[in-house]
Protein backbone atom coordinates (compact mmCIF):
# COMPACT_ATOMS: atom_id res chain seq x y z
CA MET A 1 0.01 -0.05 -0.02
CA SER A 2 1.19 3.52 -0.96
CA LEU A 3 0.73 6.53 0.67
CA ARG A 4 1.12 8.44 -2.42
CA THR A 5 -1.88 10.51 -3.92
CA PRO A 6 -2.92 9.18 -7.51
CA LEU A 7 -1.86 12.49 -8.78
CA GLY A 8 1.53 11.82 -7.12
CA GLU A 9 1.69 8.68 -8.74
CA VAL A 10 1.14 9.77 -12.15
CA ARG A 11 3.47 12.66 -11.96
CA GLY A 12 5.98 10.70 -10.39
CA LEU A 13 6.60 13.35 -7.77
CA GLY A 14 7.75 12.13 -4.38
CA SER A 15 10.49 12.78 -1.91
CA ALA A 16 13.97 13.88 -3.37
CA LYS A 17 15.24 12.35 -0.15
CA GLU A 18 17.53 15.37 0.39
CA GLY A 19 15.37 17.17 3.05
CA VAL A 20 17.30 15.53 6.14
CA GLY A 21 20.63 16.26 4.69
CA HIS A 22 19.64 20.18 4.02
CA PHE A 23 18.19 19.98 7.61
CA TRP A 24 21.37 18.84 9.28
CA HIS A 25 23.80 20.71 6.95
CA GLN A 26 22.10 23.96 8.12
CA ARG A 27 21.82 22.77 11.52
CA MET A 28 25.43 22.06 11.68
CA THR A 29 26.63 25.20 10.45
CA ALA A 30 24.60 27.09 12.80
CA VAL A 31 26.44 25.19 15.76
CA ALA A 32 29.82 25.92 14.36
CA LEU A 33 29.07 29.41 13.79
CA VAL A 34 28.14 30.21 17.63
CA PRO A 35 31.61 29.75 18.76
CA LEU A 36 33.23 30.99 15.85
CA THR A 37 31.42 34.15 15.87
CA ILE A 38 32.05 34.78 19.50
CA TRP A 39 35.56 34.02 18.63
CA PHE A 40 35.43 36.65 15.79
CA LEU A 41 33.67 39.17 18.06
CA ILE A 42 36.22 38.79 20.81
CA THR A 43 39.49 39.11 18.06
CA VAL A 44 37.66 42.48 16.60
CA ILE A 45 36.98 44.08 20.11
CA GLY A 46 40.76 43.10 20.88
CA LEU A 47 41.85 45.13 17.48
CA VAL A 48 39.70 48.26 18.32
CA GLY A 49 41.91 51.24 18.19
CA ALA A 50 44.88 49.51 16.48
CA ASP A 51 46.28 50.67 13.14
CA TYR A 52 46.01 49.09 9.86
CA ALA A 53 49.16 47.63 9.97
CA THR A 54 48.65 45.77 13.32
CA ALA A 55 45.29 44.36 12.49
CA SER A 56 46.47 43.37 9.13
CA GLU A 57 49.42 41.52 10.67
CA ALA A 58 47.22 39.97 13.27
CA LEU A 59 44.77 38.87 10.75
CA GLY A 60 47.37 37.51 8.72
CA GLN A 61 48.51 35.10 11.59
CA PRO A 62 47.49 31.29 11.12
CA LEU A 63 46.02 30.90 14.40
CA LEU A 64 43.90 33.92 13.61
CA ALA A 65 43.49 33.25 9.67
CA ILE A 66 42.42 29.65 10.02
CA PRO A 67 39.43 30.29 12.07
CA LEU A 68 38.49 33.21 10.07
CA LEU A 69 38.30 30.98 7.04
CA LEU A 70 35.98 28.45 8.88
CA LEU A 71 34.00 31.45 9.77
CA ILE A 72 33.66 32.53 6.12
CA GLY A 73 33.16 29.05 4.94
CA ALA A 74 30.30 28.16 7.21
CA GLY A 75 28.76 31.57 7.12
CA PHE A 76 28.52 31.52 3.43
CA TYR A 77 27.60 28.21 3.33
CA HIS A 78 24.58 28.62 6.03
CA MET A 79 23.62 31.62 4.33
CA LYS A 80 23.15 29.95 1.05
CA LEU A 81 21.15 26.95 2.71
CA GLY A 82 18.68 29.24 4.56
CA LEU A 83 18.20 31.66 1.51
CA GLN A 84 17.50 28.41 -0.50
CA VAL A 85 14.76 27.49 1.91
CA VAL A 86 13.00 30.75 1.70
CA ILE A 87 13.35 30.75 -2.13
CA GLU A 88 11.84 27.11 -2.61
CA ASP A 89 8.98 28.17 -0.16
CA TYR A 90 8.01 31.53 -1.17
CA VAL A 91 8.63 31.74 -5.05
CA THR A 92 5.98 29.97 -7.01
CA ASN A 93 7.11 30.81 -10.58
CA GLU A 94 9.55 27.69 -11.35
CA GLY A 95 11.61 29.64 -13.89
CA SER A 96 12.26 32.42 -11.46
CA LYS A 97 12.75 29.73 -8.67
CA ILE A 98 15.53 28.16 -10.75
CA ALA A 99 17.10 31.69 -11.63
CA LEU A 100 16.81 32.68 -8.02
CA LEU A 101 18.47 29.55 -6.52
CA MET A 102 21.32 29.79 -9.42
CA LEU A 103 21.83 33.29 -8.39
CA ASN A 104 22.08 32.42 -4.69
CA THR A 105 24.40 29.83 -5.30
CA PHE A 106 26.52 32.15 -7.49
CA PHE A 107 26.47 35.15 -5.10
CA ALA A 108 27.28 33.02 -1.98
CA VAL A 109 30.24 31.54 -3.81
CA ALA A 110 31.32 34.80 -5.17
CA ILE A 111 31.50 37.01 -2.10
CA GLY A 112 32.84 33.71 -0.38
CA LEU A 113 35.80 33.62 -2.32
CA ALA A 114 36.37 37.17 -2.19
CA CYS A 115 36.24 37.05 1.59
CA VAL A 116 38.95 33.89 1.30
CA TYR A 117 41.11 35.97 -1.26
CA ALA A 118 41.34 38.90 1.29
CA VAL A 119 42.15 36.60 4.25
CA LEU A 120 44.71 34.84 2.20
CA LYS A 121 46.32 37.97 0.82
CA LEU A 122 46.80 39.19 4.29
CA SER A 123 48.35 35.62 5.18
CA PHE A 124 50.64 35.85 2.42
CA ALA A 125 51.70 39.36 2.37
CA GLY A 126 54.53 38.91 4.26
């Protein structure tokens, strides 16, 4: 006995089996962002009043650059997942939905890579 409706049987629509994975990725990035954000705020507060050279030298150190890269990666991935849910839930036109989902991915990757580039440039500026 199937729990699918007759219309669902005809269309062949059903579970894409991706919802649970998406749910867990969003929760895991949220959990990772809590300590990373607290660490980042403490670091930035510690740099208040420092000149550009001091701040860039501090952020270029591996002990600060690596958690900063983790924050960037988790933050932009979490943002992409969250916005994806909003688009899937509230955009009804299929063409617009696909275009917005693509733009969401491109935006998250482009801005995330720009941030990673900035951190790496600080790290290897020597």
